[in-house]
Amino acid sequence: LLNAGVATGCGVGEDFDLARYRRAMGANLDGVVFGTHAVLPALR
């Protein structure tokens, strides 16, 4: 269950924050991609 996630905390306008953006993408998307990549050999 690839469930880890965080809120974004910023938008794409004047409130854009690169660190928060990368943190959110890292947990919410990369966490699923990296988790899938890591677990696939074990499932196979």
Full PDB file with SEQRES, HELIX, SHEET, SSBOND, CRYST1, ORIGX, SCALE, CONECT and MASTER records, all heavy atoms in Angstrom:
SEQRES   1 A   44  LEU LEU ASN ALA GLY VAL ALA THR GLY CYS GLY VAL GLY          
SEQRES   2 A   44  GLU ASP PHE ASP LEU ALA ARG TYR ARG ARG ALA MET GLY          
SEQRES   3 A   44  ALA ASN LEU ASP GLY VAL VAL PHE GLY THR HIS ALA VAL          
SEQRES   4 A   44  LEU PRO ALA LEU ARG                                          
HELIX    1 AA1 LEU A   18  MET A   25  1                                   8    
HELIX    2 AA2 GLY A   26  ASP A   30  3                                   5    
HELIX    3 AA3 GLY A   31  LEU A   43  1                                  13    
CRYST1    1.000    1.000    1.000  90.00  90.00  90.00 P 1           1          
ORIGX1      1.000000  0.000000  0.000000        0.00000                         
ORIGX2      0.000000  1.000000  0.000000        0.00000                         
ORIGX3      0.000000  0.000000  1.000000        0.00000                         
SCALE1      1.000000  0.000000  0.000000        0.00000                         
SCALE2      0.000000  1.000000  0.000000        0.00000                         
SCALE3      0.000000  0.000000  1.000000        0.00000                         
ATOM      1  N   LEU A   1       0.877  -1.172   0.000  1.00  0.00           N  
ATOM      2  CA  LEU A   1       0.000   0.000   0.000  1.00  0.00           C  
ATOM      3  C   LEU A   1       0.911   1.217   0.000  1.00  0.00           C  
ATOM      4  O   LEU A   1       1.569   1.520   0.999  1.00  0.00           O  
ATOM      5  CB  LEU A   1      -0.918   0.023   1.223  1.00  0.00           C  
ATOM      6  CG  LEU A   1      -1.737   1.311   1.381  1.00  0.00           C  
ATOM      7  CD1 LEU A   1      -2.687   1.520   0.206  1.00  0.00           C  
ATOM      8  CD2 LEU A   1      -2.497   1.333   2.704  1.00  0.00           C  
ATOM      9  N   LEU A   2       0.969   1.905  -1.135  1.00  0.00           N  
ATOM     10  CA  LEU A   2       1.815   3.086  -1.288  1.00  0.00           C  
ATOM     11  C   LEU A   2       0.965   4.309  -0.958  1.00  0.00           C  
ATOM     12  O   LEU A   2       0.328   4.914  -1.808  1.00  0.00           O  
ATOM     13  CB  LEU A   2       2.379   3.140  -2.706  1.00  0.00           C  
ATOM     14  CG  LEU A   2       3.123   1.859  -3.128  1.00  0.00           C  
ATOM     15  CD1 LEU A   2       3.627   1.971  -4.553  1.00  0.00           C  
ATOM     16  CD2 LEU A   2       4.271   1.543  -2.163  1.00  0.00           C  
ATOM     17  N   ASN A   3       0.975   4.639   0.311  1.00  0.00           N  
ATOM     18  CA  ASN A   3      -0.011   5.558   0.873  1.00  0.00           C  
ATOM     19  C   ASN A   3       0.571   6.873   1.355  1.00  0.00           C  
ATOM     20  O   ASN A   3      -0.162   7.850   1.519  1.00  0.00           O  
ATOM     21  CB  ASN A   3      -0.709   4.844   2.041  1.00  0.00           C  
ATOM     22  CG  ASN A   3      -1.485   5.779   2.926  1.00  0.00           C  
ATOM     23  OD1 ASN A   3      -2.574   6.230   2.586  1.00  0.00           O  
ATOM     24  ND2 ASN A   3      -0.922   6.093   4.102  1.00  0.00           N  
ATOM     25  N   ALA A   4       1.869   6.953   1.590  1.00  0.00           N  
ATOM     26  CA  ALA A   4       2.460   8.156   2.173  1.00  0.00           C  
ATOM     27  C   ALA A   4       2.140   9.381   1.325  1.00  0.00           C  
ATOM     28  O   ALA A   4       2.213   9.342   0.094  1.00  0.00           O  
ATOM     29  CB  ALA A   4       3.971   7.989   2.298  1.00  0.00           C  
ATOM     30  N   GLY A   5       1.774  10.472   1.980  1.00  0.00           N  
ATOM     31  CA  GLY A   5       1.442  11.687   1.244  1.00  0.00           C  
ATOM     32  C   GLY A   5       1.421  12.899   2.157  1.00  0.00           C  
ATOM     33  O   GLY A   5       1.301  12.772   3.378  1.00  0.00           O  
ATOM     34  N   VAL A   6       1.533  14.064   1.535  1.00  0.00           N  
ATOM     35  CA  VAL A   6       1.528  15.327   2.282  1.00  0.00           C  
ATOM     36  C   VAL A   6       0.703  16.354   1.529  1.00  0.00           C  
ATOM     37  O   VAL A   6       0.439  16.217   0.333  1.00  0.00           O  
ATOM     38  CB  VAL A   6       2.956  15.883   2.481  1.00  0.00           C  
ATOM     39  CG1 VAL A   6       3.806  14.931   3.304  1.00  0.00           C  
ATOM     40  CG2 VAL A   6       3.622  16.163   1.137  1.00  0.00           C  
ATOM     41  N   ALA A   7       0.292  17.396   2.235  1.00  0.00           N  
ATOM     42  CA  ALA A   7      -0.377  18.521   1.593  1.00  0.00           C  
ATOM     43  C   ALA A   7       0.659  19.366   0.853  1.00  0.00           C  
ATOM     44  O   ALA A   7       1.852  19.337   1.169  1.00  0.00           O  
ATOM     45  CB  ALA A   7      -1.096  19.365   2.635  1.00  0.00           C  
ATOM     46  N   THR A   8       0.204  20.125  -0.130  1.00  0.00           N  
ATOM     47  CA  THR A   8       1.131  20.898  -0.940  1.00  0.00           C  
ATOM     48  C   THR A   8       1.620  22.140  -0.198  1.00  0.00           C  
ATOM     49  O   THR A   8       2.816  22.368  -0.050  1.00  0.00           O  
ATOM     50  CB  THR A   8       0.467  21.323  -2.266  1.00  0.00           C  
ATOM     51  OG1 THR A   8      -0.057  20.169  -2.906  1.00  0.00           O  
ATOM     52  CG2 THR A   8       1.471  21.999  -3.166  1.00  0.00           C  
ATOM     53  N   GLY A   9       0.709  22.989   0.236  1.00  0.00           N  
ATOM     54  CA  GLY A   9       1.101  24.178   0.980  1.00  0.00           C  
ATOM     55  C   GLY A   9       1.475  25.369   0.137  1.00  0.00           C  
ATOM     56  O   GLY A   9       1.936  26.387   0.660  1.00  0.00           O  
ATOM     57  N   CYS A  10       1.299  25.272  -1.190  1.00  0.00           N  
ATOM     58  CA  CYS A  10       1.575  26.425  -2.039  1.00  0.00           C  
ATOM     59  C   CYS A  10       0.866  26.252  -3.370  1.00  0.00           C  
ATOM     60  O   CYS A  10       0.405  25.161  -3.705  1.00  0.00           O  
ATOM     61  CB  CYS A  10       3.084  26.617  -2.264  1.00  0.00           C  
ATOM     62  SG  CYS A  10       3.861  25.378  -3.314  1.00  0.00           S  
ATOM     63  N   GLY A  11       0.788  27.360  -4.133  1.00  0.00           N  
ATOM     64  CA  GLY A  11       0.197  27.310  -5.461  1.00  0.00           C  
ATOM     65  C   GLY A  11       1.255  27.566  -6.517  1.00  0.00           C  
ATOM     66  O   GLY A  11       2.455  27.401  -6.267  1.00  0.00           O  
ATOM     67  N   VAL A  12       0.822  28.030  -7.699  1.00  0.00           N  
ATOM     68  CA  VAL A  12       1.773  28.255  -8.793  1.00  0.00           C  
ATOM     69  C   VAL A  12       1.989  29.746  -9.063  1.00  0.00           C  
ATOM     70  O   VAL A  12       2.713  30.109  -9.990  1.00  0.00           O  
ATOM     71  CB  VAL A  12       1.303  27.555 -10.095  1.00  0.00           C  
ATOM     72  CG1 VAL A  12       1.234  26.058  -9.897  1.00  0.00           C  
ATOM     73  CG2 VAL A  12      -0.051  28.100 -10.540  1.00  0.00           C  
ATOM     74  N   GLY A  13       1.367  30.608  -8.265  1.00  0.00           N  
ATOM     75  CA  GLY A  13       1.514  32.045  -8.436  1.00  0.00           C  
ATOM     76  C   GLY A  13       2.569  32.610  -7.509  1.00  0.00           C  
ATOM     77  O   GLY A  13       3.638  32.028  -7.328  1.00  0.00           O  
ATOM     78  N   GLU A  14       2.235  33.734  -6.888  1.00  0.00           N  
ATOM     79  CA  GLU A  14       3.200  34.396  -6.010  1.00  0.00           C  
ATOM     80  C   GLU A  14       3.524  33.570  -4.777  1.00  0.00           C  
ATOM     81  O   GLU A  14       4.570  33.769  -4.146  1.00  0.00           O  
ATOM     82  CB  GLU A  14       2.654  35.761  -5.591  1.00  0.00           C  
ATOM     83  CG  GLU A  14       2.559  36.761  -6.739  1.00  0.00           C  
ATOM     84  CD  GLU A  14       2.045  38.111  -6.291  1.00  0.00           C  
ATOM     85  OE1 GLU A  14       1.718  38.243  -5.086  1.00  0.00           O  
ATOM     86  OE2 GLU A  14       1.959  39.027  -7.124  1.00  0.00           O  
ATOM     87  N   ASP A  15       2.629  32.642  -4.424  1.00  0.00           N  
ATOM     88  CA  ASP A  15       2.870  31.818  -3.247  1.00  0.00           C  
ATOM     89  C   ASP A  15       3.662  30.555  -3.566  1.00  0.00           C  
ATOM     90  O   ASP A  15       3.857  29.696  -2.700  1.00  0.00           O  
ATOM     91  CB  ASP A  15       1.550  31.440  -2.579  1.00  0.00           C  
ATOM     92  CG  ASP A  15       0.653  30.596  -3.476  1.00  0.00           C  
ATOM     93  OD1 ASP A  15       0.838  30.649  -4.711  1.00  0.00           O  
ATOM     94  OD2 ASP A  15      -0.233  29.894  -2.945  1.00  0.00           O  
ATOM     95  N   PHE A  16       4.132  30.418  -4.813  1.00  0.00           N  
ATOM     96  CA  PHE A  16       4.882  29.221  -5.184  1.00  0.00           C  
ATOM     97  C   PHE A  16       6.142  29.107  -4.343  1.00  0.00           C  
ATOM     98  O   PHE A  16       6.881  30.072  -4.143  1.00  0.00           O  
ATOM     99  CB  PHE A  16       5.264  29.258  -6.665  1.00  0.00           C  
ATOM    100  CG  PHE A  16       6.051  28.048  -7.102  1.00  0.00           C  
ATOM    101  CD1 PHE A  16       5.436  26.819  -7.250  1.00  0.00           C  
ATOM    102  CD2 PHE A  16       7.417  28.146  -7.351  1.00  0.00           C  
ATOM    103  CE1 PHE A  16       6.157  25.704  -7.642  1.00  0.00           C  
ATOM    104  CE2 PHE A  16       8.153  27.029  -7.745  1.00  0.00           C  
ATOM    105  CZ  PHE A  16       7.521  25.808  -7.893  1.00  0.00           C  
ATOM    106  N   ASP A  17       6.369  27.886  -3.836  1.00  0.00           N  
ATOM    107  CA  ASP A  17       7.535  27.612  -3.001  1.00  0.00           C  
ATOM    108  C   ASP A  17       8.176  26.336  -3.534  1.00  0.00           C  
ATOM    109  O   ASP A  17       7.577  25.261  -3.456  1.00  0.00           O  
ATOM    110  CB  ASP A  17       7.107  27.444  -1.541  1.00  0.00           C  
ATOM    111  CG  ASP A  17       8.269  27.250  -0.591  1.00  0.00           C  
ATOM    112  OD1 ASP A  17       9.012  26.265  -0.761  1.00  0.00           O  
ATOM    113  OD2 ASP A  17       8.427  28.066   0.331  1.00  0.00           O  
ATOM    114  N   LEU A  18       9.366  26.447  -4.067  1.00  0.00           N  
ATOM    115  CA  LEU A  18      10.001  25.314  -4.717  1.00  0.00           C  
ATOM    116  C   LEU A  18      10.217  24.144  -3.762  1.00  0.00           C  
ATOM    117  O   LEU A  18       9.999  22.982  -4.129  1.00  0.00           O  
ATOM    118  CB  LEU A  18      11.343  25.736  -5.332  1.00  0.00           C  
ATOM    119  CG  LEU A  18      12.108  24.650  -6.104  1.00  0.00           C  
ATOM    120  CD1 LEU A  18      11.268  24.106  -7.252  1.00  0.00           C  
ATOM    121  CD2 LEU A  18      13.440  25.213  -6.607  1.00  0.00           C  
ATOM    122  N   ALA A  19      10.628  24.441  -2.539  1.00  0.00           N  
ATOM    123  CA  ALA A  19      10.878  23.365  -1.575  1.00  0.00           C  
ATOM    124  C   ALA A  19       9.580  22.616  -1.254  1.00  0.00           C  
ATOM    125  O   ALA A  19       9.568  21.380  -1.186  1.00  0.00           O  
ATOM    126  CB  ALA A  19      11.499  23.929  -0.301  1.00  0.00           C  
ATOM    127  N   ARG A  20       8.486  23.361  -1.057  1.00  0.00           N  
ATOM    128  CA  ARG A  20       7.211  22.705  -0.759  1.00  0.00           C  
ATOM    129  C   ARG A  20       6.705  21.911  -1.962  1.00  0.00           C  
ATOM    130  O   ARG A  20       6.146  20.822  -1.812  1.00  0.00           O  
ATOM    131  CB  ARG A  20       6.177  23.747  -0.342  1.00  0.00           C  
ATOM    132  CG  ARG A  20       6.466  24.374   1.014  1.00  0.00           C  
ATOM    133  CD  ARG A  20       5.327  25.255   1.478  1.00  0.00           C  
ATOM    134  NE  ARG A  20       5.586  25.809   2.797  1.00  0.00           N  
ATOM    135  CZ  ARG A  20       4.667  26.433   3.529  1.00  0.00           C  
ATOM    136  NH1 ARG A  20       3.434  26.585   3.066  1.00  0.00           N  
ATOM    137  NH2 ARG A  20       4.976  26.906   4.716  1.00  0.00           N  
ATOM    138  N   TYR A  21       6.891  22.483  -3.142  1.00  0.00           N  
ATOM    139  CA  TYR A  21       6.488  21.780  -4.366  1.00  0.00           C  
ATOM    140  C   TYR A  21       7.218  20.444  -4.486  1.00  0.00           C  
ATOM    141  O   TYR A  21       6.603  19.399  -4.735  1.00  0.00           O  
ATOM    142  CB  TYR A  21       6.785  22.658  -5.577  1.00  0.00           C  
ATOM    143  CG  TYR A  21       6.680  21.957  -6.901  1.00  0.00           C  
ATOM    144  CD1 TYR A  21       5.437  21.712  -7.487  1.00  0.00           C  
ATOM    145  CD2 TYR A  21       7.827  21.536  -7.579  1.00  0.00           C  
ATOM    146  CE1 TYR A  21       5.350  21.054  -8.709  1.00  0.00           C  
ATOM    147  CE2 TYR A  21       7.743  20.893  -8.793  1.00  0.00           C  
ATOM    148  CZ  TYR A  21       6.502  20.647  -9.359  1.00  0.00           C  
ATOM    149  OH  TYR A  21       6.416  20.003 -10.558  1.00  0.00           O  
ATOM    150  N   ARG A  22       8.530  20.476  -4.311  1.00  0.00           N  
ATOM    151  CA  ARG A  22       9.315  19.249  -4.437  1.00  0.00           C  
ATOM    152  C   ARG A  22       8.989  18.252  -3.333  1.00  0.00           C  
ATOM    153  O   ARG A  22       8.994  17.031  -3.553  1.00  0.00           O  
ATOM    154  CB  ARG A  22      10.806  19.586  -4.453  1.00  0.00           C  
ATOM    155  CG  ARG A  22      11.238  20.217  -5.774  1.00  0.00           C  
ATOM    156  CD  ARG A  22      12.699  20.559  -5.799  1.00  0.00           C  
ATOM    157  NE  ARG A  22      13.125  20.926  -7.156  1.00  0.00           N  
ATOM    158  CZ  ARG A  22      14.241  21.576  -7.434  1.00  0.00           C  
ATOM    159  NH1 ARG A  22      15.058  21.940  -6.447  1.00  0.00           N  
ATOM    160  NH2 ARG A  22      14.550  21.865  -8.688  1.00  0.00           N  
ATOM    161  N   ARG A  23       8.696  18.761  -2.139  1.00  0.00           N  
ATOM    162  CA  ARG A  23       8.310  17.864  -1.044  1.00  0.00           C  
ATOM    163  C   ARG A  23       7.014  17.147  -1.373  1.00  0.00           C  
ATOM    164  O   ARG A  23       6.890  15.930  -1.171  1.00  0.00           O  
ATOM    165  CB  ARG A  23       8.166  18.661   0.254  1.00  0.00           C  
ATOM    166  CG  ARG A  23       7.686  17.840   1.450  1.00  0.00           C  
ATOM    167  CD  ARG A  23       7.683  18.685   2.716  1.00  0.00           C  
ATOM    168  NE  ARG A  23       7.221  17.936   3.872  1.00  0.00           N  
ATOM    169  CZ  ARG A  23       5.960  17.932   4.314  1.00  0.00           C  
ATOM    170  NH1 ARG A  23       5.046  18.679   3.679  1.00  0.00           N  
ATOM    171  NH2 ARG A  23       5.615  17.230   5.366  1.00  0.00           N  
ATOM    172  N   ALA A  24       6.024  17.894  -1.890  1.00  0.00           N  
ATOM    173  CA  ALA A  24       4.731  17.290  -2.219  1.00  0.00           C  
ATOM    174  C   ALA A  24       4.851  16.307  -3.371  1.00  0.00           C  
ATOM    175  O   ALA A  24       4.299  15.198  -3.318  1.00  0.00           O  
ATOM    176  CB  ALA A  24       3.720  18.385  -2.557  1.00  0.00           C  
ATOM    177  N   MET A  25       5.558  16.680  -4.412  1.00  0.00           N  
ATOM    178  CA  MET A  25       5.737  15.764  -5.534  1.00  0.00           C  
ATOM    179  C   MET A  25       6.557  14.549  -5.121  1.00  0.00           C  
ATOM    180  O   MET A  25       6.303  13.423  -5.563  1.00  0.00           O  
ATOM    181  CB  MET A  25       6.402  16.485  -6.706  1.00  0.00           C  
ATOM    182  CG  MET A  25       5.516  17.520  -7.371  1.00  0.00           C  
ATOM    183  SD  MET A  25       4.044  16.759  -8.115  1.00  0.00           S  
ATOM    184  CE  MET A  25       3.233  18.212  -8.792  1.00  0.00           C  
ATOM    185  N   GLY A  26       7.539  14.779  -4.247  1.00  0.00           N  
ATOM    186  CA  GLY A  26       8.376  13.681  -3.787  1.00  0.00           C  
ATOM    187  C   GLY A  26       7.598  12.633  -3.016  1.00  0.00           C  
ATOM    188  O   GLY A  26       7.806  11.424  -3.205  1.00  0.00           O  
ATOM    189  N   ALA A  27       6.715  13.081  -2.144  1.00  0.00           N  
ATOM    190  CA  ALA A  27       5.927  12.128  -1.360  1.00  0.00           C  
ATOM    191  C   ALA A  27       4.771  11.550  -2.154  1.00  0.00           C  
ATOM    192  O   ALA A  27       4.572  10.328  -2.192  1.00  0.00           O  
ATOM    193  CB  ALA A  27       5.403  12.817  -0.098  1.00  0.00           C  
ATOM    194  N   ASN A  28       3.998  12.412  -2.816  1.00  0.00           N  
ATOM    195  CA  ASN A  28       2.731  11.985  -3.402  1.00  0.00           C  
ATOM    196  C   ASN A  28       2.872  11.266  -4.736  1.00  0.00           C  
ATOM    197  O   ASN A  28       2.051  10.409  -5.063  1.00  0.00           O  
ATOM    198  CB  ASN A  28       1.813  13.191  -3.589  1.00  0.00           C  
ATOM    199  CG  ASN A  28       1.483  13.875  -2.280  1.00  0.00           C  
ATOM    200  OD1 ASN A  28       1.823  13.379  -1.214  1.00  0.00           O  
ATOM    201  ND2 ASN A  28       0.845  15.022  -2.346  1.00  0.00           N  
ATOM    202  N   LEU A  29       3.887  11.623  -5.512  1.00  0.00           N  
ATOM    203  CA  LEU A  29       4.080  10.979  -6.819  1.00  0.00           C  
ATOM    204  C   LEU A  29       5.333  10.117  -6.855  1.00  0.00           C  
ATOM    205  O   LEU A  29       5.260   8.923  -7.156  1.00  0.00           O  
ATOM    206  CB  LEU A  29       4.129  12.034  -7.925  1.00  0.00           C  
ATOM    207  CG  LEU A  29       4.402  11.509  -9.339  1.00  0.00           C  
ATOM    208  CD1 LEU A  29       3.391  10.451  -9.737  1.00  0.00           C  
ATOM    209  CD2 LEU A  29       4.419  12.658 -10.345  1.00  0.00           C  
ATOM    210  N   ASP A  30       6.487  10.712  -6.509  1.00  0.00           N  
ATOM    211  CA  ASP A  30       7.711   9.917  -6.522  1.00  0.00           C  
ATOM    212  C   ASP A  30       7.607   8.722  -5.582  1.00  0.00           C  
ATOM    213  O   ASP A  30       8.124   7.638  -5.877  1.00  0.00           O  
ATOM    214  CB  ASP A  30       8.914  10.773  -6.094  1.00  0.00           C  
ATOM    215  CG  ASP A  30       9.262  11.849  -7.110  1.00  0.00           C  
ATOM    216  OD1 ASP A  30       8.729  11.791  -8.238  1.00  0.00           O  
ATOM    217  OD2 ASP A  30      10.054  12.751  -6.768  1.00  0.00           O  
ATOM    218  N   GLY A  31       6.935   8.907  -4.448  1.00  0.00           N  
ATOM    219  CA  GLY A  31       6.790   7.805  -3.508  1.00  0.00           C  
ATOM    220  C   GLY A  31       6.076   6.612  -4.109  1.00  0.00           C  
ATOM    221  O   GLY A  31       6.382   5.456  -3.789  1.00  0.00           O  
ATOM    222  N   VAL A  32       5.123   6.880  -4.991  1.00  0.00           N  
ATOM    223  CA  VAL A  32       4.409   5.788  -5.669  1.00  0.00           C  
ATOM    224  C   VAL A  32       5.294   5.169  -6.749  1.00  0.00           C  
ATOM    225  O   VAL A  32       5.383   3.939  -6.877  1.00  0.00           O  
ATOM    226  CB  VAL A  32       3.086   6.292  -6.270  1.00  0.00           C  
ATOM    227  CG1 VAL A  32       2.394   5.192  -7.066  1.00  0.00           C  
ATOM    228  CG2 VAL A  32       2.156   6.794  -5.158  1.00  0.00           C  
ATOM    229  N   VAL A  33       5.951   6.015  -7.537  1.00  0.00           N  
ATOM    230  CA  VAL A  33       6.819   5.516  -8.606  1.00  0.00           C  
ATOM    231  C   VAL A  33       7.996   4.730  -8.024  1.00  0.00           C  
ATOM    232  O   VAL A  33       8.269   3.588  -8.431  1.00  0.00           O  
ATOM    233  CB  VAL A  33       7.330   6.674  -9.476  1.00  0.00           C  
ATOM    234  CG1 VAL A  33       8.341   6.184 -10.501  1.00  0.00           C  
ATOM    235  CG2 VAL A  33       6.154   7.358 -10.187  1.00  0.00           C  
ATOM    236  N   PHE A  34       8.696   5.323  -7.050  1.00  0.00           N  
ATOM    237  CA  PHE A  34       9.852   4.654  -6.466  1.00  0.00           C  
ATOM    238  C   PHE A  34       9.431   3.398  -5.702  1.00  0.00           C  
ATOM    239  O   PHE A  34      10.131   2.379  -5.725  1.00  0.00           O  
ATOM    240  CB  PHE A  34      10.611   5.602  -5.526  1.00  0.00           C  
ATOM    241  CG  PHE A  34      11.186   6.818  -6.196  1.00  0.00           C  
ATOM    242  CD1 PHE A  34      11.502   7.952  -5.448  1.00  0.00           C  
ATOM    243  CD2 PHE A  34      11.415   6.848  -7.562  1.00  0.00           C  
ATOM    244  CE1 PHE A  34      12.046   9.076  -6.061  1.00  0.00           C  
ATOM    245  CE2 PHE A  34      11.947   7.974  -8.186  1.00  0.00           C  
ATOM    246  CZ  PHE A  34      12.261   9.094  -7.429  1.00  0.00           C  
ATOM    247  N   GLY A  35       8.297   3.483  -5.003  1.00  0.00           N  
ATOM    248  CA  GLY A  35       7.819   2.314  -4.270  1.00  0.00           C  
ATOM    249  C   GLY A  35       7.467   1.165  -5.197  1.00  0.00           C  
ATOM    250  O   GLY A  35       7.779   0.002  -4.922  1.00  0.00           O  
ATOM    251  N   THR A  36       6.820   1.489  -6.302  1.00  0.00           N  
ATOM    252  CA  THR A  36       6.481   0.458  -7.283  1.00  0.00           C  
ATOM    253  C   THR A  36       7.743  -0.157  -7.874  1.00  0.00           C  
ATOM    254  O   THR A  36       7.866  -1.389  -7.982  1.00  0.00           O  
ATOM    255  CB  THR A  36       5.611   1.061  -8.405  1.00  0.00           C  
ATOM    256  OG1 THR A  36       4.403   1.569  -7.837  1.00  0.00           O  
ATOM    257  CG2 THR A  36       5.262   0.013  -9.450  1.00  0.00           C  
ATOM    258  N   HIS A  37       8.685   0.687  -8.267  1.00  0.00           N  
ATOM    259  CA  HIS A  37       9.935   0.194  -8.845  1.00  0.00           C  
ATOM    260  C   HIS A  37      10.656  -0.737  -7.869  1.00  0.00           C  
ATOM    261  O   HIS A  37      11.196  -1.787  -8.275  1.00  0.00           O  
ATOM    262  CB  HIS A  37      10.833   1.383  -9.202  1.00  0.00           C  
ATOM    263  CG  HIS A  37      12.197   0.995  -9.669  1.00  0.00           C  
ATOM    264  ND1 HIS A  37      12.422   0.386 -10.890  1.00  0.00           N  
ATOM    265  CD2 HIS A  37      13.421   1.115  -9.071  1.00  0.00           C  
ATOM    266  CE1 HIS A  37      13.718   0.153 -11.038  1.00  0.00           C  
ATOM    267  NE2 HIS A  37      14.340   0.584  -9.952  1.00  0.00           N  
ATOM    268  N   ALA A  38      10.662  -0.373  -6.594  1.00  0.00           N  
ATOM    269  CA  ALA A  38      11.389  -1.164  -5.601  1.00  0.00           C  
ATOM    270  C   ALA A  38      10.711  -2.489  -5.302  1.00  0.00           C  
ATOM    271  O   ALA A  38      11.384  -3.511  -5.102  1.00  0.00           O  
ATOM    272  CB  ALA A  38      11.539  -0.346  -4.311  1.00  0.00           C  
ATOM    273  N   VAL A  39       9.382  -2.506  -5.268  1.00  0.00           N  
ATOM    274  CA  VAL A  39       8.677  -3.709  -4.821  1.00  0.00           C  
ATOM    275  C   VAL A  39       8.402  -4.701  -5.943  1.00  0.00           C  
ATOM    276  O   VAL A  39       8.165  -5.882  -5.681  1.00  0.00           O  
ATOM    277  CB  VAL A  39       7.364  -3.323  -4.104  1.00  0.00           C  
ATOM    278  CG1 VAL A  39       6.240  -3.013  -5.099  1.00  0.00           C  
ATOM    279  CG2 VAL A  39       6.924  -4.422  -3.133  1.00  0.00           C  
ATOM    280  N   LEU A  40       8.450  -4.264  -7.189  1.00  0.00           N  
ATOM    281  CA  LEU A  40       8.109  -5.164  -8.288  1.00  0.00           C  
ATOM    282  C   LEU A  40       8.948  -6.449  -8.308  1.00  0.00           C  
ATOM    283  O   LEU A  40       8.385  -7.545  -8.475  1.00  0.00           O  
ATOM    284  CB  LEU A  40       8.220  -4.436  -9.630  1.00  0.00           C  
ATOM    285  CG  LEU A  40       6.963  -3.697 -10.088  1.00  0.00           C  
ATOM    286  CD1 LEU A  40       7.241  -2.948 -11.397  1.00  0.00           C  
ATOM    287  CD2 LEU A  40       5.788  -4.654 -10.261  1.00  0.00           C  
ATOM    288  N   PRO A  41      10.267  -6.380  -8.165  1.00  0.00           N  
ATOM    289  CA  PRO A  41      11.029  -7.632  -8.168  1.00  0.00           C  
ATOM    290  C   PRO A  41      10.600  -8.593  -7.065  1.00  0.00           C  
ATOM    291  O   PRO A  41      10.564  -9.816  -7.267  1.00  0.00           O  
ATOM    292  CB  PRO A  41      12.479  -7.169  -7.968  1.00  0.00           C  
ATOM    293  CG  PRO A  41      12.497  -5.768  -8.475  1.00  0.00           C  
ATOM    294  CD  PRO A  41      11.155  -5.198  -8.104  1.00  0.00           C  
ATOM    295  N   ALA A  42      10.267  -8.057  -5.897  1.00  0.00           N  
ATOM    296  CA  ALA A  42       9.829  -8.901  -4.788  1.00  0.00           C  
ATOM    297  C   ALA A  42       8.484  -9.558  -5.095  1.00  0.00           C  
ATOM    298  O   ALA A  42       8.268 -10.733  -4.774  1.00  0.00           O  
ATOM    299  CB  ALA A  42       9.737  -8.075  -3.503  1.00  0.00           C  
ATOM    300  N   LEU A  43       7.572  -8.815  -5.706  1.00  0.00           N  
ATOM    301  CA  LEU A  43       6.271  -9.389  -6.062  1.00  0.00           C  
ATOM    302  C   LEU A  43       6.430 -10.445  -7.146  1.00  0.00           C  
ATOM    303  O   LEU A  43       5.793 -11.512  -7.093  1.00  0.00           O  
ATOM    304  CB  LEU A  43       5.330  -8.281  -6.540  1.00  0.00           C  
ATOM    305  CG  LEU A  43       4.963  -7.203  -5.514  1.00  0.00           C  
ATOM    306  CD1 LEU A  43       4.031  -6.176  -6.153  1.00  0.00           C  
ATOM    307  CD2 LEU A  43       4.317  -7.807  -4.276  1.00  0.00           C  
ATOM    308  N   ARG A  44       7.262 -10.163  -8.131  1.00  0.00           N  
ATOM    309  CA  ARG A  44       7.493 -11.152  -9.193  1.00  0.00           C  
ATOM    310  C   ARG A  44       8.100 -12.432  -8.631  1.00  0.00           C  
ATOM    311  O   ARG A  44       7.776 -13.532  -9.077  1.00  0.00           O  
ATOM    312  CB  ARG A  44       8.405 -10.551 -10.258  1.00  0.00           C  
ATOM    313  CG  ARG A  44       7.724  -9.478 -11.115  1.00  0.00           C  
ATOM    314  CD  ARG A  44       8.721  -8.784 -12.013  1.00  0.00           C  
ATOM    315  NE  ARG A  44       8.085  -7.831 -12.917  1.00  0.00           N  
ATOM    316  CZ  ARG A  44       8.606  -6.661 -13.271  1.00  0.00           C  
ATOM    317  NH1 ARG A  44       9.802  -6.307 -12.786  1.00  0.00           N  
ATOM    318  NH2 ARG A  44       7.968  -5.861 -14.106  1.00  0.00           N  
TER     319      ARG A  44                                                      
MASTER        0    0    0    3    0    0    0    6  318    1    0    4          
END                                                                             
